[in-house]
Amino acid sequence: MISQGLSDALRAVAEAALTPVVIILLVLIAVTIILLGTLIAEFFTERRHLKVKMPVLINQIRAAEKSPEEIITGSGLIKKQKETLRELVLQSELSNTMREALAVRLLTETRARYDGIVNITNVIAKIGPMLGLLGTLIPLGPGIIALGRGDTYTLSTSLLTAFDTTVAGLICAAIALIVSVIRKKWYADYMSMLETLMECILDKEKKDDQALWNR
């Protein structure tokens, strides 16, 4: 009797969880479509316009024919990279140690921003299949009961819900995984370029400060 009561309670909990699972899956589908759209928009607004040869840009900064700010502004870097580098360049009144600390801080903030964007798709890629599995298993209980009663309509409805939620979860996970992989590659490239250029700028400022001191 107790066992039957526990089984009924578990079945009630499982059936009550089906609606939230379906709602969350629908939300994930919408979020995944938005993230895919932002990836495409990011490609056309930023990535496609990233046209910079690092050796050439480094040599331009070291040549001191123009100020680093002018070189950065006229370069083919993306907007966020330019803003971060200009923020470092404009703090020329700081000491070398303080500039290095600022560079580390700017890099940390930029990396955290990129990680936050990628983590969204990482989470979707992980929970999508889980929710799809939940949406598969929950309707099977009523479906099996309906099968025992000969109720083919309820059985077919339960199986259809199970298959639909599985497909939805896997589609969300697949798209999110692809978006994550692409963005991780892009952002790793951005961070590598940013770190290299910051080191170049700091090295140039150190040399300029040393030259002024020697005078």
N, C-alpha and C. Protein backbone atom coordinates (compact mmCIF):
# COMPACT_ATOMS: atom_id res chain seq x y z
N MET A 1 0.83 -1.21 0.00
CA MET A 1 0.00 0.00 0.00
C MET A 1 0.87 1.27 0.00
N ILE A 2 1.88 1.23 0.89
CA ILE A 2 2.80 2.37 0.94
C ILE A 2 3.56 2.51 -0.37
N SER A 3 3.99 1.33 -0.90
CA SER A 3 4.73 1.34 -2.16
C SER A 3 3.88 1.91 -3.29
N GLN A 4 2.60 1.54 -3.33
CA GLN A 4 1.70 2.05 -4.35
C GLN A 4 1.53 3.57 -4.23
N GLY A 5 1.43 4.04 -2.96
CA GLY A 5 1.30 5.47 -2.74
C GLY A 5 2.52 6.24 -3.20
N LEU A 6 3.72 5.68 -2.94
CA LEU A 6 4.96 6.33 -3.38
C LEU A 6 5.04 6.37 -4.90
N SER A 7 4.62 5.26 -5.51
CA SER A 7 4.65 5.21 -6.98
C SER A 7 3.71 6.25 -7.58
N ASP A 8 2.53 6.36 -6.98
CA ASP A 8 1.57 7.36 -7.47
C ASP A 8 2.12 8.78 -7.30
N ALA A 9 2.80 9.01 -6.16
CA ALA A 9 3.37 10.34 -5.92
C ALA A 9 4.45 10.65 -6.93
N LEU A 10 5.31 9.68 -7.21
CA LEU A 10 6.38 9.89 -8.19
C LEU A 10 5.81 10.13 -9.58
N ARG A 11 4.77 9.38 -9.92
CA ARG A 11 4.15 9.57 -11.23
C ARG A 11 3.52 10.94 -11.34
N ALA A 12 2.90 11.39 -10.26
CA ALA A 12 2.30 12.72 -10.27
C ALA A 12 3.36 13.81 -10.44
N VAL A 13 4.50 13.64 -9.76
CA VAL A 13 5.59 14.61 -9.89
C VAL A 13 6.12 14.62 -11.32
N ALA A 14 6.29 13.41 -11.89
CA ALA A 14 6.81 13.31 -13.25
C ALA A 14 5.86 13.94 -14.25
N GLU A 15 4.58 13.68 -14.11
CA GLU A 15 3.60 14.25 -15.04
C GLU A 15 3.51 15.77 -14.89
N ALA A 16 3.65 16.24 -13.65
CA ALA A 16 3.62 17.69 -13.43
C ALA A 16 4.86 18.37 -14.02
N ALA A 17 5.97 17.62 -14.12
CA ALA A 17 7.21 18.21 -14.65
C ALA A 17 7.21 18.30 -16.17
N LEU A 18 6.29 17.61 -16.83
CA LEU A 18 6.30 17.60 -18.29
C LEU A 18 6.06 18.98 -18.88
N THR A 19 5.07 19.68 -18.35
CA THR A 19 4.77 21.03 -18.88
C THR A 19 5.94 22.00 -18.73
N PRO A 20 6.59 22.10 -17.52
CA PRO A 20 7.76 22.97 -17.42
C PRO A 20 8.89 22.57 -18.36
N VAL A 21 9.08 21.26 -18.56
CA VAL A 21 10.14 20.79 -19.46
C VAL A 21 9.86 21.26 -20.89
N VAL A 22 8.61 21.11 -21.33
CA VAL A 22 8.26 21.54 -22.69
C VAL A 22 8.41 23.05 -22.83
N ILE A 23 8.00 23.80 -21.81
CA ILE A 23 8.13 25.26 -21.87
C ILE A 23 9.60 25.67 -21.94
N ILE A 24 10.43 25.04 -21.11
CA ILE A 24 11.87 25.37 -21.12
C ILE A 24 12.48 25.03 -22.47
N LEU A 25 12.07 23.91 -23.05
CA LEU A 25 12.59 23.53 -24.37
C LEU A 25 12.20 24.57 -25.43
N LEU A 26 10.96 25.06 -25.36
CA LEU A 26 10.54 26.09 -26.30
C LEU A 26 11.35 27.37 -26.12
N VAL A 27 11.63 27.71 -24.86
CA VAL A 27 12.46 28.89 -24.58
C VAL A 27 13.87 28.68 -25.12
N LEU A 28 14.40 27.47 -24.93
CA LEU A 28 15.74 27.16 -25.42
C LEU A 28 15.80 27.26 -26.94
N ILE A 29 14.76 26.80 -27.60
CA ILE A 29 14.71 26.90 -29.06
C ILE A 29 14.78 28.37 -29.49
N ALA A 30 13.99 29.21 -28.82
CA ALA A 30 13.98 30.64 -29.15
C ALA A 30 15.35 31.26 -28.88
N VAL A 31 15.95 30.93 -27.72
CA VAL A 31 17.26 31.48 -27.37
C VAL A 31 18.32 31.00 -28.36
N THR A 32 18.25 29.73 -28.75
CA THR A 32 19.23 29.18 -29.70
C THR A 32 19.13 29.88 -31.05
N ILE A 33 17.91 30.14 -31.50
CA ILE A 33 17.73 30.86 -32.77
C ILE A 33 18.32 32.27 -32.67
N ILE A 34 18.09 32.92 -31.53
CA ILE A 34 18.64 34.27 -31.33
C ILE A 34 20.17 34.23 -31.32
N LEU A 35 20.75 33.24 -30.64
CA LEU A 35 22.20 33.13 -30.58
C LEU A 35 22.79 32.85 -31.95
N LEU A 36 22.11 32.03 -32.74
CA LEU A 36 22.58 31.77 -34.10
C LEU A 36 22.52 33.04 -34.93
N GLY A 37 21.45 33.81 -34.72
CA GLY A 37 21.34 35.08 -35.44
C GLY A 37 22.43 36.07 -35.04
N THR A 38 22.75 36.12 -33.73
CA THR A 38 23.81 37.04 -33.29
C THR A 38 25.17 36.60 -33.81
N LEU A 39 25.36 35.29 -33.96
CA LEU A 39 26.63 34.80 -34.53
C LEU A 39 26.77 35.26 -35.98
N ILE A 40 25.70 35.12 -36.74
CA ILE A 40 25.73 35.55 -38.14
C ILE A 40 25.93 37.07 -38.22
N ALA A 41 25.23 37.81 -37.34
CA ALA A 41 25.39 39.26 -37.33
C ALA A 41 26.81 39.65 -36.93
N GLU A 42 27.38 38.93 -35.97
CA GLU A 42 28.75 39.22 -35.54
C GLU A 42 29.74 38.98 -36.67
N PHE A 43 29.47 37.96 -37.48
CA PHE A 43 30.36 37.67 -38.60
C PHE A 43 30.35 38.82 -39.61
N PHE A 44 29.16 39.29 -39.95
CA PHE A 44 29.06 40.32 -40.98
C PHE A 44 29.43 41.71 -40.47
N THR A 45 29.25 41.97 -39.17
CA THR A 45 29.55 43.31 -38.64
C THR A 45 30.96 43.43 -38.09
N GLU A 46 31.57 42.31 -37.67
CA GLU A 46 32.90 42.39 -37.07
C GLU A 46 33.90 41.45 -37.74
N ARG A 47 33.64 40.18 -37.68
CA ARG A 47 34.63 39.20 -38.13
C ARG A 47 35.03 39.40 -39.58
N ARG A 48 34.06 39.68 -40.42
CA ARG A 48 34.35 39.86 -41.85
C ARG A 48 35.23 41.08 -42.11
N HIS A 49 35.16 42.06 -41.20
CA HIS A 49 35.92 43.30 -41.38
C HIS A 49 37.26 43.27 -40.63
N LEU A 50 37.56 42.13 -39.99
CA LEU A 50 38.84 42.01 -39.28
C LEU A 50 39.93 41.74 -40.30
N LYS A 51 40.59 42.79 -40.71
CA LYS A 51 41.64 42.68 -41.72
C LYS A 51 42.88 43.37 -41.19
N VAL A 52 43.70 42.60 -40.53
CA VAL A 52 44.92 43.17 -39.94
C VAL A 52 46.04 42.14 -40.01
N LYS A 53 47.21 42.60 -40.42
CA LYS A 53 48.40 41.76 -40.41
C LYS A 53 49.23 42.14 -39.19
N MET A 54 49.33 41.21 -38.27
CA MET A 54 49.95 41.51 -36.99
C MET A 54 51.39 42.01 -37.11
N PRO A 55 52.24 41.35 -37.91
CA PRO A 55 53.62 41.87 -38.02
C PRO A 55 53.68 43.32 -38.51
N VAL A 56 52.82 43.65 -39.48
CA VAL A 56 52.80 45.02 -40.01
C VAL A 56 52.33 46.00 -38.95
N LEU A 57 51.27 45.64 -38.23
CA LEU A 57 50.74 46.53 -37.20
C LEU A 57 51.74 46.72 -36.07
N ILE A 58 52.43 45.66 -35.68
CA ILE A 58 53.44 45.76 -34.62
C ILE A 58 54.58 46.67 -35.05
N ASN A 59 55.01 46.52 -36.29
CA ASN A 59 56.09 47.38 -36.79
C ASN A 59 55.66 48.83 -36.86
N GLN A 60 54.39 49.08 -37.19
CA GLN A 60 53.90 50.45 -37.23
C GLN A 60 53.90 51.07 -35.83
N ILE A 61 53.53 50.30 -34.83
CA ILE A 61 53.53 50.81 -33.45
C ILE A 61 54.95 51.08 -32.99
N ARG A 62 55.87 50.21 -33.34
CA ARG A 62 57.26 50.38 -32.91
C ARG A 62 57.96 51.50 -33.65
N ALA A 63 57.51 51.79 -34.90
CA ALA A 63 58.20 52.78 -35.71
C ALA A 63 58.06 54.19 -35.16
N ALA A 64 57.00 54.45 -34.40
CA ALA A 64 56.78 55.74 -33.75
C ALA A 64 56.60 56.88 -34.74
N GLU A 65 56.22 56.57 -36.00
CA GLU A 65 55.92 57.63 -36.96
C GLU A 65 54.59 58.31 -36.62
N LYS A 66 53.67 57.54 -36.06
CA LYS A 66 52.39 58.05 -35.58
C LYS A 66 52.21 57.62 -34.13
N SER A 67 51.27 58.25 -33.47
CA SER A 67 50.97 57.84 -32.11
C SER A 67 50.26 56.49 -32.14
N PRO A 68 50.46 55.67 -31.10
CA PRO A 68 49.78 54.36 -31.07
C PRO A 68 48.27 54.48 -31.21
N GLU A 69 47.70 55.55 -30.67
CA GLU A 69 46.25 55.73 -30.75
C GLU A 69 45.80 55.89 -32.20
N GLU A 70 46.55 56.68 -32.98
CA GLU A 70 46.21 56.87 -34.39
C GLU A 70 46.35 55.57 -35.17
N ILE A 71 47.40 54.82 -34.86
CA ILE A 71 47.63 53.55 -35.55
C ILE A 71 46.51 52.56 -35.24
N ILE A 72 46.12 52.48 -33.98
CA ILE A 72 45.06 51.56 -33.56
C ILE A 72 43.73 51.95 -34.19
N THR A 73 43.44 53.25 -34.19
CA THR A 73 42.17 53.72 -34.76
C THR A 73 42.08 53.41 -36.25
N GLY A 74 43.17 53.53 -36.96
CA GLY A 74 43.16 53.28 -38.40
C GLY A 74 43.42 51.85 -38.80
N SER A 75 43.59 50.97 -37.82
CA SER A 75 43.89 49.58 -38.13
C SER A 75 42.60 48.81 -38.48
N GLY A 76 42.77 47.55 -38.87
CA GLY A 76 41.63 46.71 -39.22
C GLY A 76 41.12 45.87 -38.07
N LEU A 77 41.42 46.29 -36.84
CA LEU A 77 40.95 45.56 -35.67
C LEU A 77 39.45 45.75 -35.50
N ILE A 78 38.83 44.88 -34.72
CA ILE A 78 37.40 45.04 -34.45
C ILE A 78 37.21 46.14 -33.41
N LYS A 79 35.99 46.61 -33.29
CA LYS A 79 35.68 47.76 -32.45
C LYS A 79 36.09 47.55 -30.99
N LYS A 80 35.79 46.37 -30.44
CA LYS A 80 36.09 46.10 -29.04
C LYS A 80 37.59 46.11 -28.79
N GLN A 81 38.36 45.57 -29.71
CA GLN A 81 39.82 45.58 -29.57
C GLN A 81 40.35 47.01 -29.59
N LYS A 82 39.83 47.82 -30.48
CA LYS A 82 40.29 49.21 -30.56
C LYS A 82 39.98 49.96 -29.26
N GLU A 83 38.77 49.75 -28.74
CA GLU A 83 38.39 50.43 -27.50
C GLU A 83 39.29 50.02 -26.35
N THR A 84 39.59 48.73 -26.24
CA THR A 84 40.44 48.24 -25.14
C THR A 84 41.86 48.77 -25.26
N LEU A 85 42.41 48.76 -26.47
CA LEU A 85 43.78 49.24 -26.67
C LEU A 85 43.88 50.75 -26.46
N ARG A 86 42.87 51.48 -26.92
CA ARG A 86 42.88 52.94 -26.70
C ARG A 86 42.80 53.28 -25.22
N GLU A 87 42.05 52.49 -24.48
CA GLU A 87 41.95 52.73 -23.04
C GLU A 87 43.31 52.57 -22.37
N LEU A 88 44.11 51.65 -22.87
CA LEU A 88 45.46 51.48 -22.33
C LEU A 88 46.38 52.59 -22.78
N VAL A 89 46.31 52.95 -24.06
CA VAL A 89 47.20 53.97 -24.61
C VAL A 89 46.96 55.34 -23.96
N LEU A 90 45.72 55.66 -23.68
CA LEU A 90 45.39 56.98 -23.14
C LEU A 90 45.83 57.17 -21.69
N GLN A 91 46.30 56.10 -21.05
CA GLN A 91 46.78 56.21 -19.68
C GLN A 91 48.30 56.32 -19.63
N SER A 92 48.84 57.14 -20.52
CA SER A 92 50.30 57.25 -20.62
C SER A 92 50.94 57.93 -19.40
N GLU A 93 50.13 58.64 -18.60
CA GLU A 93 50.71 59.31 -17.44
C GLU A 93 50.98 58.35 -16.30
N LEU A 94 50.48 57.13 -16.39
CA LEU A 94 50.70 56.14 -15.34
C LEU A 94 52.12 55.60 -15.41
N SER A 95 52.57 55.05 -14.30
CA SER A 95 53.89 54.42 -14.28
C SER A 95 53.84 53.11 -15.05
N ASN A 96 55.01 52.55 -15.33
CA ASN A 96 55.07 51.29 -16.07
C ASN A 96 54.35 50.17 -15.34
N THR A 97 54.55 50.12 -14.03
CA THR A 97 53.90 49.08 -13.24
C THR A 97 52.39 49.21 -13.27
N MET A 98 51.91 50.43 -13.16
CA MET A 98 50.46 50.67 -13.18
C MET A 98 49.88 50.38 -14.56
N ARG A 99 50.61 50.70 -15.61
CA ARG A 99 50.13 50.39 -16.95
C ARG A 99 50.05 48.88 -17.16
N GLU A 100 51.02 48.17 -16.66
CA GLU A 100 50.98 46.71 -16.78
C GLU A 100 49.80 46.14 -16.02
N ALA A 101 49.54 46.68 -14.83
CA ALA A 101 48.38 46.22 -14.05
C ALA A 101 47.08 46.53 -14.77
N LEU A 102 47.01 47.70 -15.41
CA LEU A 102 45.82 48.07 -16.17
C LEU A 102 45.64 47.14 -17.36
N ALA A 103 46.74 46.80 -18.02
CA ALA A 103 46.66 45.89 -19.16
C ALA A 103 46.11 44.52 -18.73
N VAL A 104 46.60 44.04 -17.60
CA VAL A 104 46.10 42.76 -17.08
C VAL A 104 44.61 42.85 -16.77
N ARG A 105 44.22 43.97 -16.17
CA ARG A 105 42.81 44.16 -15.83
C ARG A 105 41.95 44.21 -17.08
N LEU A 106 42.39 44.92 -18.10
CA LEU A 106 41.62 45.02 -19.34
C LEU A 106 41.50 43.66 -20.03
N LEU A 107 42.59 42.91 -20.01
CA LEU A 107 42.56 41.58 -20.61
C LEU A 107 41.60 40.67 -19.84
N THR A 108 41.64 40.76 -18.52
CA THR A 108 40.75 39.93 -17.69
C THR A 108 39.29 40.26 -17.96
N GLU A 109 38.98 41.55 -18.05
CA GLU A 109 37.59 41.95 -18.31
C GLU A 109 37.13 41.50 -19.69
N THR A 110 38.01 41.62 -20.67
CA THR A 110 37.66 41.21 -22.03
C THR A 110 37.45 39.70 -22.10
N ARG A 111 38.36 38.96 -21.46
CA ARG A 111 38.23 37.50 -21.46
C ARG A 111 36.96 37.06 -20.74
N ALA A 112 36.63 37.74 -19.64
CA ALA A 112 35.41 37.41 -18.89
C ALA A 112 34.17 37.67 -19.74
N ARG A 113 34.21 38.76 -20.51
CA ARG A 113 33.08 39.08 -21.39
C ARG A 113 32.91 37.99 -22.45
N TYR A 114 34.00 37.58 -23.07
CA TYR A 114 33.92 36.53 -24.09
C TYR A 114 33.49 35.20 -23.47
N ASP A 115 34.03 34.87 -22.30
CA ASP A 115 33.66 33.62 -21.64
C ASP A 115 32.18 33.61 -21.28
N GLY A 116 31.66 34.76 -20.87
CA GLY A 116 30.23 34.85 -20.54
C GLY A 116 29.36 34.57 -21.74
N ILE A 117 29.77 35.07 -22.91
CA ILE A 117 28.99 34.84 -24.13
C ILE A 117 29.03 33.36 -24.51
N VAL A 118 30.22 32.77 -24.43
CA VAL A 118 30.37 31.36 -24.81
C VAL A 118 29.67 30.45 -23.82
N ASN A 119 29.66 30.81 -22.54
CA ASN A 119 29.04 29.96 -21.52
C ASN A 119 27.55 29.77 -21.75
N ILE A 120 26.91 30.77 -22.34
CA ILE A 120 25.47 30.63 -22.62
C ILE A 120 25.21 29.45 -23.54
N THR A 121 25.95 29.38 -24.63
CA THR A 121 25.76 28.27 -25.56
C THR A 121 26.28 26.96 -24.98
N ASN A 122 27.31 27.03 -24.14
CA ASN A 122 27.80 25.81 -23.49
C ASN A 122 26.72 25.20 -22.60
N VAL A 123 26.02 26.04 -21.86
CA VAL A 123 24.95 25.55 -20.98
C VAL A 123 23.82 24.93 -21.80
N ILE A 124 23.45 25.59 -22.89
CA ILE A 124 22.38 25.05 -23.74
C ILE A 124 22.79 23.71 -24.33
N ALA A 125 24.05 23.61 -24.75
CA ALA A 125 24.53 22.35 -25.32
C ALA A 125 24.49 21.21 -24.31
N LYS A 126 24.62 21.53 -23.03
CA LYS A 126 24.61 20.50 -22.00
C LYS A 126 23.20 20.14 -21.54
N ILE A 127 22.35 21.15 -21.32
CA ILE A 127 21.03 20.86 -20.76
C ILE A 127 20.00 20.51 -21.82
N GLY A 128 20.29 20.83 -23.10
CA GLY A 128 19.35 20.50 -24.17
C GLY A 128 19.04 19.00 -24.23
N PRO A 129 20.08 18.15 -24.32
CA PRO A 129 19.80 16.70 -24.34
C PRO A 129 19.16 16.20 -23.06
N MET A 130 19.52 16.80 -21.90
CA MET A 130 18.91 16.38 -20.64
C MET A 130 17.40 16.64 -20.64
N LEU A 131 17.03 17.84 -21.07
CA LEU A 131 15.60 18.17 -21.12
C LEU A 131 14.89 17.33 -22.17
N GLY A 132 15.58 17.06 -23.28
CA GLY A 132 15.00 16.19 -24.30
C GLY A 132 14.76 14.79 -23.77
N LEU A 133 15.70 14.29 -22.96
CA LEU A 133 15.53 12.96 -22.36
C LEU A 133 14.38 12.95 -21.36
N LEU A 134 14.28 14.01 -20.58
CA LEU A 134 13.15 14.11 -19.64
C LEU A 134 11.82 14.12 -20.40
N GLY A 135 11.79 14.90 -21.47
CA GLY A 135 10.57 14.96 -22.27
C GLY A 135 10.26 13.66 -22.97
N THR A 136 11.28 12.81 -23.11
CA THR A 136 11.06 11.49 -23.71
C THR A 136 10.52 10.49 -22.70
N LEU A 137 11.12 10.49 -21.51
CA LEU A 137 10.78 9.48 -20.51
C LEU A 137 9.44 9.75 -19.82
N ILE A 138 9.15 11.03 -19.54
CA ILE A 138 7.93 11.35 -18.78
C ILE A 138 6.66 10.87 -19.49
N PRO A 139 6.48 11.11 -20.80
CA PRO A 139 5.25 10.65 -21.44
C PRO A 139 5.15 9.14 -21.62
N LEU A 140 6.29 8.43 -21.47
CA LEU A 140 6.26 6.98 -21.69
C LEU A 140 5.44 6.26 -20.62
N GLY A 141 5.41 6.83 -19.39
CA GLY A 141 4.62 6.20 -18.34
C GLY A 141 3.14 6.12 -18.69
N PRO A 142 2.51 7.27 -18.96
CA PRO A 142 1.11 7.22 -19.39
C PRO A 142 0.91 6.43 -20.68
N GLY A 143 1.93 6.45 -21.55
CA GLY A 143 1.81 5.70 -22.80
C GLY A 143 1.77 4.21 -22.57
N ILE A 144 2.60 3.72 -21.64
CA ILE A 144 2.61 2.29 -21.33
C ILE A 144 1.29 1.87 -20.69
N ILE A 145 0.78 2.74 -19.79
CA ILE A 145 -0.51 2.45 -19.16
C ILE A 145 -1.61 2.40 -20.24
N ALA A 146 -1.57 3.34 -21.17
CA ALA A 146 -2.57 3.36 -22.24
C ALA A 146 -2.45 2.13 -23.13
N LEU A 147 -1.22 1.67 -23.34
CA LEU A 147 -1.01 0.46 -24.14
C LEU A 147 -1.66 -0.74 -23.48
N GLY A 148 -1.53 -0.82 -22.15
CA GLY A 148 -2.15 -1.94 -21.42
C GLY A 148 -3.66 -1.90 -21.49
N ARG A 149 -4.22 -0.70 -21.64
CA ARG A 149 -5.68 -0.56 -21.71
C ARG A 149 -6.20 -0.61 -23.15
N GLY A 150 -5.26 -0.67 -24.10
CA GLY A 150 -5.68 -0.70 -25.50
C GLY A 150 -6.01 0.68 -26.04
N ASP A 151 -5.60 1.72 -25.35
CA ASP A 151 -5.88 3.10 -25.78
C ASP A 151 -4.76 3.56 -26.71
N THR A 152 -4.90 3.30 -27.98
CA THR A 152 -3.83 3.61 -28.94
C THR A 152 -3.69 5.12 -29.17
N TYR A 153 -4.77 5.87 -29.00
CA TYR A 153 -4.68 7.32 -29.21
C TYR A 153 -3.76 7.97 -28.16
N THR A 154 -3.97 7.63 -26.90
CA THR A 154 -3.12 8.16 -25.83
C THR A 154 -1.69 7.70 -26.01
N LEU A 155 -1.52 6.44 -26.41
CA LEU A 155 -0.17 5.91 -26.64
C LEU A 155 0.54 6.69 -27.75
N SER A 156 -0.14 6.90 -28.86
CA SER A 156 0.48 7.62 -29.98
C SER A 156 0.79 9.07 -29.61
N THR A 157 -0.10 9.70 -28.82
CA THR A 157 0.13 11.08 -28.38
C THR A 157 1.35 11.16 -27.47
N SER A 158 1.48 10.19 -26.57
CA SER A 158 2.62 10.15 -25.65
C SER A 158 3.94 9.95 -26.41
N LEU A 159 3.91 9.03 -27.37
CA LEU A 159 5.13 8.77 -28.16
C LEU A 159 5.50 9.97 -29.01
N LEU A 160 4.50 10.65 -29.55
CA LEU A 160 4.77 11.84 -30.37
C LEU A 160 5.41 12.94 -29.53
N THR A 161 4.89 13.13 -28.31
CA THR A 161 5.49 14.12 -27.40
C THR A 161 6.92 13.74 -27.05
N ALA A 162 7.13 12.44 -26.82
CA ALA A 162 8.48 11.96 -26.47
C ALA A 162 9.46 12.22 -27.60
N PHE A 163 9.06 11.91 -28.83
CA PHE A 163 9.96 12.11 -29.97
C PHE A 163 10.22 13.59 -30.23
N ASP A 164 9.16 14.40 -30.12
CA ASP A 164 9.30 15.84 -30.39
C ASP A 164 10.26 16.50 -29.40
N THR A 165 10.12 16.17 -28.13
CA THR A 165 11.01 16.78 -27.13
C THR A 165 12.45 16.31 -27.32
N THR A 166 12.63 15.06 -27.71
CA THR A 166 14.00 14.57 -27.97
C THR A 166 14.64 15.33 -29.12
N VAL A 167 13.90 15.47 -30.19
CA VAL A 167 14.42 16.19 -31.38
C VAL A 167 14.72 17.64 -31.03
N ALA A 168 13.81 18.28 -30.30
CA ALA A 168 14.02 19.68 -29.93
C ALA A 168 15.27 19.85 -29.08
N GLY A 169 15.45 18.97 -28.09
CA GLY A 169 16.62 19.07 -27.23
C GLY A 169 17.91 18.86 -27.99
N LEU A 170 17.92 17.89 -28.90
CA LEU A 170 19.14 17.60 -29.66
C LEU A 170 19.46 18.71 -30.66
N ILE A 171 18.43 19.28 -31.27
CA ILE A 171 18.65 20.38 -32.21
C ILE A 171 19.25 21.58 -31.48
N CYS A 172 18.68 21.92 -30.33
CA CYS A 172 19.21 23.04 -29.53
C CYS A 172 20.66 22.79 -29.16
N ALA A 173 20.96 21.57 -28.70
CA ALA A 173 22.32 21.23 -28.28
C ALA A 173 23.29 21.29 -29.45
N ALA A 174 22.87 20.78 -30.61
CA ALA A 174 23.75 20.76 -31.78
C ALA A 174 24.09 22.17 -32.25
N ILE A 175 23.05 23.01 -32.37
CA ILE A 175 23.28 24.39 -32.81
C ILE A 175 24.14 25.15 -31.80
N ALA A 176 23.82 24.98 -30.51
CA ALA A 176 24.59 25.67 -29.46
C ALA A 176 26.04 25.22 -29.46
N LEU A 177 26.27 23.93 -29.69
CA LEU A 177 27.65 23.43 -29.73
C LEU A 177 28.43 24.03 -30.89
N ILE A 178 27.79 24.11 -32.05
CA ILE A 178 28.44 24.69 -33.22
C ILE A 178 28.77 26.16 -32.97
N VAL A 179 27.81 26.90 -32.40
CA VAL A 179 28.04 28.32 -32.09
C VAL A 179 29.18 28.47 -31.09
N SER A 180 29.23 27.59 -30.08
CA SER A 180 30.29 27.66 -29.08
C SER A 180 31.66 27.42 -29.70
N VAL A 181 31.75 26.41 -30.55
CA VAL A 181 33.04 26.08 -31.18
C VAL A 181 33.54 27.24 -32.03
N ILE A 182 32.64 27.82 -32.82
CA ILE A 182 33.03 28.94 -33.69
C ILE A 182 33.46 30.14 -32.86
N ARG A 183 32.66 30.47 -31.84
CA ARG A 183 32.97 31.65 -31.04
C ARG A 183 34.25 31.44 -30.22
N LYS A 184 34.48 30.25 -29.71
CA LYS A 184 35.71 29.99 -28.97
C LYS A 184 36.93 30.23 -29.86
N LYS A 185 36.85 29.81 -31.11
CA LYS A 185 37.95 30.02 -32.05
C LYS A 185 38.14 31.51 -32.32
N TRP A 186 37.05 32.22 -32.57
CA TRP A 186 37.14 33.65 -32.83
C TRP A 186 37.73 34.39 -31.63
N TYR A 187 37.18 34.12 -30.46
CA TYR A 187 37.57 34.87 -29.27
C TYR A 187 39.00 34.55 -28.84
N ALA A 188 39.42 33.30 -29.04
CA ALA A 188 40.81 32.96 -28.76
C ALA A 188 41.75 33.76 -29.66
N ASP A 189 41.36 33.92 -30.92
CA ASP A 189 42.13 34.71 -31.86
C ASP A 189 42.16 36.18 -31.44
N TYR A 190 40.99 36.71 -31.03
CA TYR A 190 40.93 38.10 -30.58
C TYR A 190 41.84 38.33 -29.37
N MET A 191 41.78 37.43 -28.40
CA MET A 191 42.56 37.58 -27.17
C MET A 191 44.05 37.48 -27.46
N SER A 192 44.43 36.58 -28.35
CA SER A 192 45.85 36.45 -28.71
C SER A 192 46.37 37.73 -29.35
N MET A 193 45.59 38.30 -30.26
CA MET A 193 45.97 39.56 -30.89
C MET A 193 46.05 40.68 -29.86
N LEU A 194 45.07 40.73 -28.96
CA LEU A 194 45.02 41.79 -27.97
C LEU A 194 46.21 41.72 -27.02
N GLU A 195 46.55 40.53 -26.57
CA GLU A 195 47.69 40.37 -25.67
C GLU A 195 49.00 40.78 -26.36
N THR A 196 49.15 40.36 -27.62
CA THR A 196 50.38 40.70 -28.35
C THR A 196 50.51 42.20 -28.54
N LEU A 197 49.43 42.87 -28.93
CA LEU A 197 49.48 44.30 -29.15
C LEU A 197 49.69 45.07 -27.85
N MET A 198 49.10 44.61 -26.76
CA MET A 198 49.32 45.27 -25.47
C MET A 198 50.78 45.16 -25.04
N GLU A 199 51.36 44.00 -25.23
CA GLU A 199 52.79 43.84 -24.90
C GLU A 199 53.65 44.76 -25.75
N CYS A 200 53.27 44.90 -27.02
CA CYS A 200 54.01 45.78 -27.92
C CYS A 200 53.90 47.24 -27.47
N ILE A 201 52.69 47.65 -27.12
CA ILE A 201 52.47 49.04 -26.67
C ILE A 201 53.21 49.32 -25.38
N LEU A 202 53.14 48.39 -24.43
CA LEU A 202 53.84 48.57 -23.15
C LEU A 202 55.35 48.62 -23.35
N ASP A 203 55.84 47.77 -24.25
CA ASP A 203 57.28 47.77 -24.52
C ASP A 203 57.72 49.09 -25.15
N LYS A 204 56.90 49.60 -26.08
CA LYS A 204 57.24 50.88 -26.71
C LYS A 204 57.21 52.02 -25.69
N GLU A 205 56.22 52.02 -24.81
CA GLU A 205 56.13 53.09 -23.82
C GLU A 205 57.30 53.02 -22.83
N LYS A 206 57.72 51.82 -22.51
CA LYS A 206 58.89 51.68 -21.63
C LYS A 206 60.13 52.27 -22.29
N LYS A 207 60.30 51.97 -23.58
CA LYS A 207 61.46 52.49 -24.30
C LYS A 207 61.40 54.01 -24.43
N ASP A 208 60.18 54.53 -24.68
CA ASP A 208 60.02 55.99 -24.76
C ASP A 208 60.34 56.65 -23.43
N ASP A 209 59.87 56.05 -22.35
CA ASP A 209 60.15 56.60 -21.02
C ASP A 209 61.64 56.56 -20.71
N GLN A 210 62.29 55.45 -21.13
CA GLN A 210 63.72 55.32 -20.89
C GLN A 210 64.50 56.35 -21.70
N ALA A 211 64.05 56.60 -22.94
CA ALA A 211 64.72 57.57 -23.78
C ALA A 211 64.59 58.98 -23.18
N LEU A 212 63.41 59.32 -22.66
CA LEU A 212 63.23 60.62 -22.03
C LEU A 212 64.08 60.73 -20.77
N TRP A 213 64.19 59.64 -20.03
CA TRP A 213 64.99 59.66 -18.79
C TRP A 213 66.48 59.85 -19.10
N ASN A 214 66.95 59.22 -20.19
CA ASN A 214 68.36 59.33 -20.56
C ASN A 214 68.70 60.74 -21.01
N ARG A 215 67.71 61.45 -21.54
CA ARG A 215 67.98 62.83 -21.95
C ARG A 215 68.22 63.73 -20.75
